[in-house]
Amino acid sequence: MADMWAFRDAVGDWAAGGPGGPAQELAAHLGLRTAVLLEGPSDLAAVETLAARRARDLAAEGVCVVSMGGAMNVGRYAGLLGPPGLGLRLAGLCDEREAPYYDRGLERAGAPRDGVFVCVADLEDELIRTLGTERVEEIVRAEDDDLRAWQTFLRQPAQHGRTRHQQLRRFLGTKKGRKIRYGHLLVDALAPDKVPAPLDELFRSL
């Protein structure tokens, strides 16, 4: 796993304009065949949690999961990791509104689009809908750090008239790091046969 983290760091440096040699050497050392391009760290947390639950050692399978720091970076990462660069097969998971970035980025890289799965709205929306609002609220209330914040959040005038689904989705994005933590907690709470379709389809494709 340490080598995989080193590869991710090397790719991040390469995407920022640094040398590509370290990433190329690590890709060969790890025997990588597929790169999963994710928008951010909350998606990464969800994918890694589901991999652990399904006893999938993605690194051993030659799969690297990469957080790109935003969908607008997909063209750069697709060029470095896909056919023009390391030649890896590209897969991904993205929000509905960010799908055009993936379409354009993969097209420029000459990579097929069929390995990218699109969430309705975003992954948090998919998870809340799959688990149900009552179960998600139970998870939020069980977190001591978030219970009071959630109660305060619900009293805000802006939340009046919104559905509980809308409130929960907004709450997850109100504090830095919260979406990452719940990316783990919500996926960990899923029944094995109740995984949001885009996430499940991504794993079936790997």
N, C-alpha and C. Protein backbone atom coordinates (compact mmCIF):
# COMPACT_ATOMS: atom_id res chain seq x y z
N MET A 1 0.82 -1.21 0.00
CA MET A 1 0.00 0.00 0.00
C MET A 1 0.86 1.26 0.00
N ALA A 2 2.02 1.17 0.66
CA ALA A 2 2.92 2.32 0.70
C ALA A 2 3.36 2.71 -0.71
N ASP A 3 3.63 1.68 -1.54
CA ASP A 3 4.03 1.96 -2.92
C ASP A 3 2.90 2.61 -3.69
N MET A 4 1.64 2.21 -3.41
CA MET A 4 0.51 2.81 -4.11
C MET A 4 0.34 4.27 -3.71
N TRP A 5 0.52 4.56 -2.43
CA TRP A 5 0.45 5.96 -2.00
C TRP A 5 1.58 6.76 -2.67
N ALA A 6 2.75 6.15 -2.77
CA ALA A 6 3.87 6.83 -3.43
C ALA A 6 3.53 7.09 -4.90
N PHE A 7 2.85 6.13 -5.55
CA PHE A 7 2.46 6.33 -6.94
C PHE A 7 1.46 7.48 -7.05
N ARG A 8 0.49 7.52 -6.17
CA ARG A 8 -0.48 8.62 -6.20
C ARG A 8 0.21 9.97 -6.04
N ASP A 9 1.15 10.03 -5.11
CA ASP A 9 1.89 11.28 -4.90
C ASP A 9 2.69 11.64 -6.14
N ALA A 10 3.31 10.65 -6.76
CA ALA A 10 4.11 10.89 -7.95
C ALA A 10 3.23 11.38 -9.10
N VAL A 11 2.03 10.81 -9.23
CA VAL A 11 1.11 11.25 -10.28
C VAL A 11 0.66 12.68 -10.02
N GLY A 12 0.38 12.99 -8.73
CA GLY A 12 -0.01 14.35 -8.39
C GLY A 12 1.07 15.35 -8.74
N ASP A 13 2.33 15.00 -8.46
CA ASP A 13 3.45 15.88 -8.81
C ASP A 13 3.57 16.02 -10.33
N TRP A 14 3.38 14.93 -11.03
CA TRP A 14 3.45 14.93 -12.50
C TRP A 14 2.36 15.81 -13.08
N ALA A 15 1.14 15.68 -12.54
CA ALA A 15 0.03 16.49 -13.03
C ALA A 15 0.24 17.97 -12.76
N ALA A 16 1.02 18.28 -11.71
CA ALA A 16 1.31 19.67 -11.37
C ALA A 16 2.49 20.23 -12.15
N GLY A 17 3.06 19.43 -13.05
CA GLY A 17 4.16 19.92 -13.88
C GLY A 17 5.50 19.32 -13.57
N GLY A 18 5.54 18.39 -12.61
CA GLY A 18 6.80 17.76 -12.25
C GLY A 18 7.19 16.65 -13.22
N PRO A 19 8.28 15.95 -12.93
CA PRO A 19 8.74 14.89 -13.82
C PRO A 19 7.83 13.66 -13.79
N GLY A 20 7.74 12.96 -14.90
CA GLY A 20 6.91 11.77 -14.98
C GLY A 20 7.64 10.48 -14.65
N GLY A 21 8.98 10.56 -14.58
CA GLY A 21 9.77 9.35 -14.35
C GLY A 21 9.38 8.56 -13.12
N PRO A 22 9.25 9.20 -11.94
CA PRO A 22 8.88 8.44 -10.74
C PRO A 22 7.55 7.70 -10.88
N ALA A 23 6.55 8.34 -11.48
CA ALA A 23 5.26 7.67 -11.67
C ALA A 23 5.40 6.50 -12.63
N GLN A 24 6.15 6.67 -13.68
CA GLN A 24 6.35 5.60 -14.66
C GLN A 24 7.04 4.39 -14.02
N GLU A 25 8.06 4.66 -13.21
CA GLU A 25 8.79 3.57 -12.56
C GLU A 25 7.90 2.83 -11.57
N LEU A 26 7.11 3.57 -10.80
CA LEU A 26 6.23 2.94 -9.82
C LEU A 26 5.11 2.16 -10.49
N ALA A 27 4.60 2.68 -11.60
CA ALA A 27 3.55 1.96 -12.33
C ALA A 27 4.06 0.61 -12.81
N ALA A 28 5.28 0.58 -13.31
CA ALA A 28 5.87 -0.68 -13.75
C ALA A 28 6.11 -1.62 -12.57
N HIS A 29 6.61 -1.06 -11.47
CA HIS A 29 6.89 -1.87 -10.27
C HIS A 29 5.61 -2.48 -9.71
N LEU A 30 4.50 -1.72 -9.74
CA LEU A 30 3.24 -2.18 -9.17
C LEU A 30 2.45 -3.05 -10.14
N GLY A 31 2.85 -3.08 -11.40
CA GLY A 31 2.12 -3.86 -12.39
C GLY A 31 0.73 -3.30 -12.66
N LEU A 32 0.63 -1.98 -12.71
CA LEU A 32 -0.68 -1.35 -12.88
C LEU A 32 -1.23 -1.59 -14.27
N ARG A 33 -2.55 -1.79 -14.32
CA ARG A 33 -3.23 -1.97 -15.60
C ARG A 33 -4.42 -1.02 -15.74
N THR A 34 -4.95 -0.53 -14.60
CA THR A 34 -6.13 0.32 -14.62
C THR A 34 -5.97 1.46 -13.64
N ALA A 35 -6.43 2.66 -14.03
CA ALA A 35 -6.50 3.81 -13.13
C ALA A 35 -7.95 4.24 -13.03
N VAL A 36 -8.44 4.38 -11.80
CA VAL A 36 -9.80 4.85 -11.55
C VAL A 36 -9.71 6.33 -11.20
N LEU A 37 -10.30 7.17 -12.04
CA LEU A 37 -10.21 8.62 -11.86
C LEU A 37 -11.42 9.11 -11.08
N LEU A 38 -11.18 9.65 -9.90
CA LEU A 38 -12.24 10.16 -9.03
C LEU A 38 -12.07 11.65 -8.82
N GLU A 39 -13.20 12.33 -8.61
CA GLU A 39 -13.17 13.78 -8.47
C GLU A 39 -12.42 14.22 -7.22
N GLY A 40 -12.67 13.56 -6.08
CA GLY A 40 -12.08 14.05 -4.85
C GLY A 40 -11.95 12.98 -3.78
N PRO A 41 -11.46 13.37 -2.59
CA PRO A 41 -11.15 12.41 -1.53
C PRO A 41 -12.35 11.73 -0.91
N SER A 42 -13.55 12.33 -0.96
CA SER A 42 -14.71 11.64 -0.40
C SER A 42 -15.09 10.44 -1.27
N ASP A 43 -14.97 10.58 -2.59
CA ASP A 43 -15.20 9.45 -3.49
C ASP A 43 -14.15 8.37 -3.26
N LEU A 44 -12.91 8.80 -3.03
CA LEU A 44 -11.82 7.86 -2.76
C LEU A 44 -12.12 7.06 -1.49
N ALA A 45 -12.60 7.74 -0.45
CA ALA A 45 -12.94 7.07 0.80
C ALA A 45 -14.02 6.02 0.58
N ALA A 46 -15.02 6.37 -0.21
CA ALA A 46 -16.12 5.44 -0.48
C ALA A 46 -15.63 4.23 -1.25
N VAL A 47 -14.82 4.44 -2.28
CA VAL A 47 -14.33 3.32 -3.09
C VAL A 47 -13.42 2.41 -2.26
N GLU A 48 -12.54 2.99 -1.47
CA GLU A 48 -11.64 2.17 -0.67
C GLU A 48 -12.41 1.38 0.40
N THR A 49 -13.45 1.98 0.95
CA THR A 49 -14.25 1.28 1.96
C THR A 49 -14.99 0.10 1.34
N LEU A 50 -15.58 0.31 0.17
CA LEU A 50 -16.28 -0.79 -0.48
C LEU A 50 -15.30 -1.89 -0.90
N ALA A 51 -14.12 -1.51 -1.35
CA ALA A 51 -13.11 -2.51 -1.70
C ALA A 51 -12.78 -3.38 -0.49
N ALA A 52 -12.60 -2.76 0.68
CA ALA A 52 -12.31 -3.52 1.89
C ALA A 52 -13.46 -4.43 2.26
N ARG A 53 -14.69 -3.94 2.14
CA ARG A 53 -15.86 -4.76 2.48
C ARG A 53 -15.99 -5.95 1.55
N ARG A 54 -15.59 -5.79 0.31
CA ARG A 54 -15.69 -6.89 -0.65
C ARG A 54 -14.42 -7.71 -0.75
N ALA A 55 -13.49 -7.46 0.16
CA ALA A 55 -12.21 -8.18 0.20
C ALA A 55 -11.49 -8.09 -1.14
N ARG A 56 -11.56 -6.90 -1.75
CA ARG A 56 -10.85 -6.65 -3.00
C ARG A 56 -9.56 -5.90 -2.69
N ASP A 57 -8.43 -6.49 -3.03
CA ASP A 57 -7.14 -5.81 -2.92
C ASP A 57 -6.85 -5.18 -4.28
N LEU A 58 -7.31 -3.96 -4.46
CA LEU A 58 -7.21 -3.33 -5.77
C LEU A 58 -5.76 -3.18 -6.22
N ALA A 59 -4.89 -2.85 -5.28
CA ALA A 59 -3.48 -2.70 -5.65
C ALA A 59 -2.92 -4.00 -6.20
N ALA A 60 -3.25 -5.12 -5.55
CA ALA A 60 -2.77 -6.42 -6.01
C ALA A 60 -3.36 -6.78 -7.36
N GLU A 61 -4.53 -6.21 -7.67
CA GLU A 61 -5.18 -6.47 -8.96
C GLU A 61 -4.66 -5.52 -10.06
N GLY A 62 -3.74 -4.65 -9.70
CA GLY A 62 -3.20 -3.72 -10.68
C GLY A 62 -4.08 -2.51 -10.91
N VAL A 63 -4.88 -2.17 -9.92
CA VAL A 63 -5.81 -1.04 -10.03
C VAL A 63 -5.39 0.06 -9.06
N CYS A 64 -5.22 1.26 -9.58
CA CYS A 64 -4.92 2.41 -8.74
C CYS A 64 -6.10 3.36 -8.76
N VAL A 65 -6.52 3.80 -7.58
CA VAL A 65 -7.63 4.75 -7.45
C VAL A 65 -7.03 6.12 -7.16
N VAL A 66 -7.34 7.09 -8.01
CA VAL A 66 -6.69 8.40 -7.95
C VAL A 66 -7.72 9.50 -7.70
N SER A 67 -7.47 10.31 -6.69
CA SER A 67 -8.27 11.51 -6.45
C SER A 67 -7.61 12.67 -7.18
N MET A 68 -8.36 13.30 -8.10
CA MET A 68 -7.77 14.30 -9.00
C MET A 68 -7.87 15.73 -8.49
N GLY A 69 -8.61 15.95 -7.40
CA GLY A 69 -8.78 17.32 -6.92
C GLY A 69 -9.75 18.13 -7.75
N GLY A 70 -10.74 17.45 -8.32
CA GLY A 70 -11.76 18.15 -9.11
C GLY A 70 -11.87 17.58 -10.51
N ALA A 71 -13.11 17.53 -11.01
CA ALA A 71 -13.36 16.94 -12.33
C ALA A 71 -12.71 17.71 -13.46
N MET A 72 -12.44 19.00 -13.26
CA MET A 72 -11.83 19.78 -14.32
C MET A 72 -10.40 19.33 -14.62
N ASN A 73 -9.83 18.51 -13.74
CA ASN A 73 -8.48 18.00 -13.96
C ASN A 73 -8.45 16.69 -14.74
N VAL A 74 -9.63 16.18 -15.12
CA VAL A 74 -9.66 14.85 -15.72
C VAL A 74 -8.89 14.79 -17.04
N GLY A 75 -8.91 15.86 -17.82
CA GLY A 75 -8.17 15.84 -19.07
C GLY A 75 -6.68 15.64 -18.85
N ARG A 76 -6.16 16.34 -17.85
CA ARG A 76 -4.73 16.22 -17.53
C ARG A 76 -4.39 14.80 -17.06
N TYR A 77 -5.18 14.26 -16.15
CA TYR A 77 -4.90 12.93 -15.60
C TYR A 77 -5.11 11.85 -16.66
N ALA A 78 -6.14 12.00 -17.49
CA ALA A 78 -6.39 11.02 -18.54
C ALA A 78 -5.23 10.98 -19.53
N GLY A 79 -4.66 12.16 -19.82
CA GLY A 79 -3.53 12.22 -20.72
C GLY A 79 -2.28 11.57 -20.14
N LEU A 80 -2.08 11.72 -18.84
CA LEU A 80 -0.89 11.16 -18.21
C LEU A 80 -1.01 9.66 -17.98
N LEU A 81 -2.19 9.22 -17.57
CA LEU A 81 -2.36 7.81 -17.18
C LEU A 81 -2.91 6.94 -18.31
N GLY A 82 -3.63 7.55 -19.25
CA GLY A 82 -4.27 6.80 -20.32
C GLY A 82 -3.36 6.54 -21.51
N PRO A 83 -3.96 6.34 -22.70
CA PRO A 83 -3.17 5.98 -23.89
C PRO A 83 -2.00 6.91 -24.21
N PRO A 84 -2.11 8.25 -24.06
CA PRO A 84 -0.96 9.09 -24.42
C PRO A 84 0.19 8.99 -23.42
N GLY A 85 -0.08 8.50 -22.20
CA GLY A 85 0.93 8.46 -21.16
C GLY A 85 1.33 7.05 -20.77
N LEU A 86 0.86 6.59 -19.61
CA LEU A 86 1.24 5.27 -19.11
C LEU A 86 0.52 4.14 -19.82
N GLY A 87 -0.53 4.45 -20.58
CA GLY A 87 -1.23 3.41 -21.32
C GLY A 87 -2.15 2.56 -20.48
N LEU A 88 -2.58 3.08 -19.32
CA LEU A 88 -3.47 2.31 -18.46
C LEU A 88 -4.91 2.40 -18.96
N ARG A 89 -5.68 1.37 -18.69
CA ARG A 89 -7.12 1.45 -18.93
C ARG A 89 -7.69 2.45 -17.93
N LEU A 90 -8.61 3.29 -18.37
CA LEU A 90 -9.18 4.31 -17.49
C LEU A 90 -10.61 3.96 -17.11
N ALA A 91 -10.92 4.13 -15.85
CA ALA A 91 -12.28 3.98 -15.33
C ALA A 91 -12.55 5.18 -14.43
N GLY A 92 -13.78 5.32 -13.97
CA GLY A 92 -14.06 6.46 -13.10
C GLY A 92 -15.49 6.48 -12.59
N LEU A 93 -15.69 7.41 -11.69
CA LEU A 93 -17.00 7.66 -11.09
C LEU A 93 -17.12 9.17 -10.99
N CYS A 94 -18.24 9.72 -11.44
CA CYS A 94 -18.35 11.17 -11.41
C CYS A 94 -19.77 11.63 -11.13
N ASP A 95 -19.90 12.90 -10.74
CA ASP A 95 -21.20 13.52 -10.53
C ASP A 95 -21.84 13.80 -11.89
N GLU A 96 -23.14 13.85 -11.90
CA GLU A 96 -23.88 14.09 -13.13
C GLU A 96 -23.45 15.40 -13.81
N ARG A 97 -23.29 16.46 -13.02
CA ARG A 97 -22.96 17.75 -13.61
C ARG A 97 -21.53 17.81 -14.12
N GLU A 98 -20.68 16.88 -13.66
CA GLU A 98 -19.28 16.89 -14.09
C GLU A 98 -19.02 15.91 -15.23
N ALA A 99 -20.04 15.17 -15.66
CA ALA A 99 -19.85 14.18 -16.71
C ALA A 99 -19.26 14.77 -18.00
N PRO A 100 -19.65 15.99 -18.41
CA PRO A 100 -19.06 16.55 -19.63
C PRO A 100 -17.54 16.71 -19.56
N TYR A 101 -17.00 17.01 -18.37
CA TYR A 101 -15.55 17.10 -18.24
C TYR A 101 -14.91 15.75 -18.54
N TYR A 102 -15.51 14.68 -18.02
CA TYR A 102 -14.99 13.34 -18.27
C TYR A 102 -15.09 13.01 -19.76
N ASP A 103 -16.23 13.34 -20.35
CA ASP A 103 -16.41 13.05 -21.79
C ASP A 103 -15.30 13.69 -22.61
N ARG A 104 -15.07 14.98 -22.38
CA ARG A 104 -14.08 15.70 -23.17
C ARG A 104 -12.66 15.22 -22.86
N GLY A 105 -12.37 15.01 -21.57
CA GLY A 105 -11.03 14.60 -21.18
C GLY A 105 -10.66 13.24 -21.74
N LEU A 106 -11.58 12.28 -21.66
CA LEU A 106 -11.30 10.95 -22.17
C LEU A 106 -11.23 10.94 -23.70
N GLU A 107 -12.08 11.75 -24.33
CA GLU A 107 -12.02 11.82 -25.79
C GLU A 107 -10.68 12.35 -26.25
N ARG A 108 -10.17 13.41 -25.61
CA ARG A 108 -8.87 13.96 -25.98
C ARG A 108 -7.74 12.96 -25.77
N ALA A 109 -7.90 12.11 -24.74
CA ALA A 109 -6.87 11.12 -24.44
C ALA A 109 -7.02 9.86 -25.29
N GLY A 110 -8.07 9.79 -26.10
CA GLY A 110 -8.28 8.61 -26.92
C GLY A 110 -8.68 7.39 -26.11
N ALA A 111 -9.34 7.63 -24.97
CA ALA A 111 -9.75 6.54 -24.09
C ALA A 111 -11.25 6.32 -24.18
N PRO A 112 -11.71 5.08 -24.12
CA PRO A 112 -13.15 4.82 -24.17
C PRO A 112 -13.85 5.38 -22.94
N ARG A 113 -15.11 5.73 -23.12
CA ARG A 113 -15.91 6.37 -22.07
C ARG A 113 -16.72 5.35 -21.25
N ASP A 114 -16.73 4.08 -21.71
CA ASP A 114 -17.64 3.11 -21.10
C ASP A 114 -17.23 2.65 -19.70
N GLY A 115 -16.04 3.05 -19.26
CA GLY A 115 -15.62 2.67 -17.91
C GLY A 115 -15.95 3.70 -16.85
N VAL A 116 -16.63 4.78 -17.23
CA VAL A 116 -16.97 5.85 -16.29
C VAL A 116 -18.47 5.76 -15.96
N PHE A 117 -18.78 5.77 -14.67
CA PHE A 117 -20.16 5.61 -14.21
C PHE A 117 -20.61 6.88 -13.51
N VAL A 118 -21.82 7.32 -13.85
CA VAL A 118 -22.30 8.64 -13.46
C VAL A 118 -23.33 8.53 -12.35
N CYS A 119 -23.11 9.29 -11.27
CA CYS A 119 -24.06 9.36 -10.16
C CYS A 119 -25.14 10.39 -10.47
N VAL A 120 -26.36 10.10 -10.08
CA VAL A 120 -27.43 11.10 -10.16
C VAL A 120 -27.11 12.15 -9.09
N ALA A 121 -26.90 13.37 -9.50
CA ALA A 121 -26.41 14.45 -8.62
C ALA A 121 -24.98 14.16 -8.21
N ASP A 122 -24.77 13.36 -7.17
CA ASP A 122 -23.42 13.01 -6.74
C ASP A 122 -23.48 11.74 -5.91
N LEU A 123 -22.31 11.27 -5.45
CA LEU A 123 -22.27 10.00 -4.73
C LEU A 123 -23.02 10.10 -3.40
N GLU A 124 -22.92 11.25 -2.72
CA GLU A 124 -23.65 11.41 -1.45
C GLU A 124 -25.15 11.27 -1.67
N ASP A 125 -25.64 11.84 -2.75
CA ASP A 125 -27.06 11.72 -3.09
C ASP A 125 -27.43 10.25 -3.29
N GLU A 126 -26.59 9.52 -3.99
CA GLU A 126 -26.84 8.09 -4.23
C GLU A 126 -26.87 7.31 -2.91
N LEU A 127 -25.93 7.60 -2.03
CA LEU A 127 -25.84 6.87 -0.76
C LEU A 127 -27.03 7.17 0.14
N ILE A 128 -27.43 8.44 0.21
CA ILE A 128 -28.58 8.81 1.04
C ILE A 128 -29.84 8.13 0.52
N ARG A 129 -30.01 8.12 -0.79
CA ARG A 129 -31.19 7.52 -1.38
C ARG A 129 -31.21 6.00 -1.14
N THR A 130 -30.05 5.37 -1.22
CA THR A 130 -29.98 3.92 -1.03
C THR A 130 -30.22 3.53 0.42
N LEU A 131 -29.60 4.24 1.34
CA LEU A 131 -29.74 3.92 2.76
C LEU A 131 -31.08 4.38 3.33
N GLY A 132 -31.62 5.45 2.79
CA GLY A 132 -32.82 6.06 3.34
C GLY A 132 -32.45 7.13 4.35
N THR A 133 -33.25 8.18 4.41
CA THR A 133 -32.91 9.32 5.26
C THR A 133 -32.89 8.96 6.74
N GLU A 134 -33.78 8.07 7.18
CA GLU A 134 -33.80 7.70 8.60
C GLU A 134 -32.50 7.05 9.01
N ARG A 135 -31.98 6.13 8.19
CA ARG A 135 -30.73 5.45 8.52
C ARG A 135 -29.56 6.43 8.48
N VAL A 136 -29.52 7.31 7.49
CA VAL A 136 -28.43 8.28 7.42
C VAL A 136 -28.47 9.21 8.63
N GLU A 137 -29.65 9.65 9.02
CA GLU A 137 -29.74 10.53 10.18
C GLU A 137 -29.30 9.80 11.45
N GLU A 138 -29.59 8.52 11.55
CA GLU A 138 -29.10 7.73 12.69
C GLU A 138 -27.58 7.74 12.74
N ILE A 139 -26.96 7.60 11.57
CA ILE A 139 -25.49 7.59 11.50
C ILE A 139 -24.94 8.94 11.91
N VAL A 140 -25.57 10.03 11.45
CA VAL A 140 -25.13 11.38 11.82
C VAL A 140 -25.27 11.59 13.33
N ARG A 141 -26.41 11.19 13.88
CA ARG A 141 -26.66 11.40 15.31
C ARG A 141 -25.75 10.55 16.19
N ALA A 142 -25.24 9.47 15.65
CA ALA A 142 -24.33 8.61 16.41
C ALA A 142 -22.92 9.18 16.49
N GLU A 143 -22.64 10.17 15.66
CA GLU A 143 -21.32 10.81 15.67
C GLU A 143 -21.34 11.98 16.64
N ASP A 144 -20.65 11.85 17.75
CA ASP A 144 -20.69 12.88 18.80
C ASP A 144 -20.30 14.25 18.27
N ASP A 145 -19.32 14.29 17.38
CA ASP A 145 -18.85 15.58 16.86
C ASP A 145 -19.89 16.27 15.99
N ASP A 146 -20.83 15.49 15.46
CA ASP A 146 -21.78 16.06 14.51
C ASP A 146 -23.20 16.23 15.05
N LEU A 147 -23.51 15.61 16.18
CA LEU A 147 -24.88 15.65 16.68
C LEU A 147 -25.34 17.08 16.93
N ARG A 148 -24.57 17.85 17.68
CA ARG A 148 -24.96 19.23 17.97
C ARG A 148 -24.95 20.08 16.70
N ALA A 149 -23.96 19.85 15.85
CA ALA A 149 -23.89 20.61 14.59
C ALA A 149 -25.12 20.33 13.73
N TRP A 150 -25.57 19.09 13.69
CA TRP A 150 -26.75 18.72 12.92
C TRP A 150 -28.00 19.40 13.48
N GLN A 151 -28.14 19.40 14.80
CA GLN A 151 -29.30 20.04 15.43
C GLN A 151 -29.31 21.54 15.15
N THR A 152 -28.14 22.17 15.22
CA THR A 152 -28.03 23.59 14.90
C THR A 152 -28.35 23.86 13.44
N PHE A 153 -27.84 23.01 12.59
CA PHE A 153 -28.07 23.13 11.15
C PHE A 153 -29.56 23.10 10.82
N LEU A 154 -30.30 22.22 11.45
CA LEU A 154 -31.73 22.08 11.15
C LEU A 154 -32.53 23.32 11.57
N ARG A 155 -32.00 24.09 12.51
CA ARG A 155 -32.71 25.30 12.96
C ARG A 155 -32.46 26.50 12.05
N GLN A 156 -31.54 26.38 11.11
CA GLN A 156 -31.25 27.50 10.23
C GLN A 156 -32.43 27.77 9.31
N PRO A 157 -32.80 29.05 9.14
CA PRO A 157 -33.94 29.38 8.28
C PRO A 157 -33.82 28.81 6.86
N ALA A 158 -32.60 28.73 6.34
CA ALA A 158 -32.41 28.24 4.98
C ALA A 158 -32.83 26.78 4.82
N GLN A 159 -32.90 26.05 5.93
CA GLN A 159 -33.25 24.63 5.86
C GLN A 159 -34.75 24.38 5.99
N HIS A 160 -35.48 25.40 6.38
CA HIS A 160 -36.93 25.25 6.52
C HIS A 160 -37.57 25.02 5.15
N GLY A 161 -38.41 24.03 5.06
CA GLY A 161 -39.08 23.73 3.80
C GLY A 161 -38.32 22.75 2.92
N ARG A 162 -37.07 22.44 3.25
CA ARG A 162 -36.33 21.46 2.48
C ARG A 162 -36.66 20.05 2.96
N THR A 163 -36.56 19.09 2.08
CA THR A 163 -36.77 17.71 2.47
C THR A 163 -35.59 17.24 3.33
N ARG A 164 -35.81 16.17 4.08
CA ARG A 164 -34.72 15.64 4.90
C ARG A 164 -33.56 15.17 4.01
N HIS A 165 -33.85 14.63 2.87
CA HIS A 165 -32.80 14.22 1.93
C HIS A 165 -31.94 15.43 1.54
N GLN A 166 -32.58 16.53 1.19
CA GLN A 166 -31.85 17.73 0.81
C GLN A 166 -31.03 18.27 1.98
N GLN A 167 -31.61 18.22 3.18
CA GLN A 167 -30.89 18.72 4.35
C GLN A 167 -29.65 17.88 4.64
N LEU A 168 -29.80 16.57 4.58
CA LEU A 168 -28.67 15.69 4.86
C LEU A 168 -27.56 15.88 3.83
N ARG A 169 -27.94 15.96 2.58
CA ARG A 169 -26.93 16.14 1.53
C ARG A 169 -26.18 17.46 1.71
N ARG A 170 -26.89 18.51 2.04
CA ARG A 170 -26.24 19.80 2.27
C ARG A 170 -25.36 19.76 3.51
N PHE A 171 -25.82 19.11 4.58
CA PHE A 171 -25.05 19.04 5.82
C PHE A 171 -23.70 18.37 5.61
N LEU A 172 -23.67 17.34 4.80
CA LEU A 172 -22.41 16.61 4.60
C LEU A 172 -21.34 17.50 3.98
N GLY A 173 -21.75 18.55 3.28
CA GLY A 173 -20.77 19.42 2.63
C GLY A 173 -20.48 20.72 3.36
N THR A 174 -20.97 20.85 4.60
CA THR A 174 -20.82 22.13 5.29
C THR A 174 -19.53 22.27 6.08
N LYS A 175 -18.75 21.22 6.22
CA LYS A 175 -17.51 21.30 7.00
C LYS A 175 -16.42 20.52 6.28
N LYS A 176 -15.24 21.09 6.20
CA LYS A 176 -14.14 20.43 5.52
C LYS A 176 -13.85 19.08 6.16
N GLY A 177 -13.76 18.07 5.35
CA GLY A 177 -13.44 16.73 5.84
C GLY A 177 -14.65 15.88 6.16
N ARG A 178 -15.82 16.52 6.29
CA ARG A 178 -17.01 15.75 6.68
C ARG A 178 -17.43 14.78 5.58
N LYS A 179 -17.39 15.21 4.33
CA LYS A 179 -17.78 14.33 3.23
C LYS A 179 -16.84 13.12 3.14
N ILE A 180 -15.59 13.32 3.46
CA ILE A 180 -14.64 12.21 3.44
C ILE A 180 -15.02 11.18 4.50
N ARG A 181 -15.29 11.66 5.71
CA ARG A 181 -15.65 10.75 6.81
C ARG A 181 -16.92 9.99 6.50
N TYR A 182 -17.91 10.69 5.95
CA TYR A 182 -19.17 10.01 5.65
C TYR A 182 -19.08 9.17 4.39
N GLY A 183 -18.12 9.45 3.53
CA GLY A 183 -17.88 8.54 2.43
C GLY A 183 -17.56 7.15 2.95
N HIS A 184 -16.84 7.10 4.06
CA HIS A 184 -16.54 5.82 4.72
C HIS A 184 -17.75 5.30 5.50
N LEU A 185 -18.34 6.15 6.33
CA LEU A 185 -19.41 5.69 7.21
C LEU A 185 -20.64 5.20 6.45
N LEU A 186 -21.04 5.91 5.41
CA LEU A 186 -22.25 5.54 4.69
C LEU A 186 -22.04 4.26 3.87
N VAL A 187 -20.89 4.13 3.24
CA VAL A 187 -20.63 2.89 2.50
C VAL A 187 -20.52 1.72 3.46
N ASP A 188 -19.94 1.94 4.62
CA ASP A 188 -19.81 0.88 5.61
C ASP A 188 -21.17 0.41 6.12
N ALA A 189 -22.18 1.28 6.04
CA ALA A 189 -23.52 0.94 6.53
C ALA A 189 -24.39 0.24 5.49
N LEU A 190 -23.93 0.17 4.25
CA LEU A 190 -24.72 -0.44 3.19
C LEU A 190 -24.87 -1.94 3.38
N ALA A 191 -26.05 -2.46 3.09
CA ALA A 191 -26.21 -3.91 2.99
C ALA A 191 -25.44 -4.39 1.77
N PRO A 192 -24.88 -5.61 1.82
CA PRO A 192 -24.06 -6.08 0.70
C PRO A 192 -24.76 -6.04 -0.65
N ASP A 193 -26.07 -6.24 -0.65
CA ASP A 193 -26.80 -6.24 -1.91
C ASP A 193 -27.49 -4.92 -2.21
N LYS A 194 -27.14 -3.88 -1.44
CA LYS A 194 -27.76 -2.57 -1.62
C LYS A 194 -26.68 -1.52 -1.79
N VAL A 195 -25.96 -1.60 -2.88
CA VAL A 195 -24.91 -0.64 -3.20
C VAL A 195 -25.41 0.21 -4.36
N PRO A 196 -25.27 1.54 -4.29
CA PRO A 196 -25.73 2.38 -5.41
C PRO A 196 -25.20 1.88 -6.74
N ALA A 197 -26.05 1.89 -7.75
CA ALA A 197 -25.71 1.29 -9.04
C ALA A 197 -24.39 1.80 -9.63
N PRO A 198 -24.13 3.11 -9.67
CA PRO A 198 -22.86 3.55 -10.28
C PRO A 198 -21.63 2.98 -9.57
N LEU A 199 -21.68 2.92 -8.24
CA LEU A 199 -20.56 2.40 -7.47
C LEU A 199 -20.41 0.90 -7.69
N ASP A 200 -21.52 0.19 -7.68
CA ASP A 200 -21.50 -1.24 -7.90
C ASP A 200 -21.01 -1.57 -9.30
N GLU A 201 -21.48 -0.83 -10.30
CA GLU A 201 -21.06 -1.06 -11.68
C GLU A 201 -19.57 -0.78 -11.89
N LEU A 202 -19.07 0.24 -11.19
CA LEU A 202 -17.64 0.52 -11.27
C LEU A 202 -16.84 -0.70 -10.82
N PHE A 203 -17.22 -1.27 -9.69
CA PHE A 203 -16.48 -2.44 -9.16
C PHE A 203 -16.63 -3.63 -10.08
N ARG A 204 -17.78 -3.82 -10.66
CA ARG A 204 -17.97 -4.94 -11.58
C ARG A 204 -17.08 -4.79 -12.82
N SER A 205 -16.74 -3.56 -13.16
CA SER A 205 -15.94 -3.32 -14.36
C SER A 205 -14.45 -3.50 -14.12
N LEU A 206 -14.03 -3.55 -12.86
CA LEU A 206 -12.60 -3.60 -12.56
C LEU A 206 -12.06 -5.03 -12.56
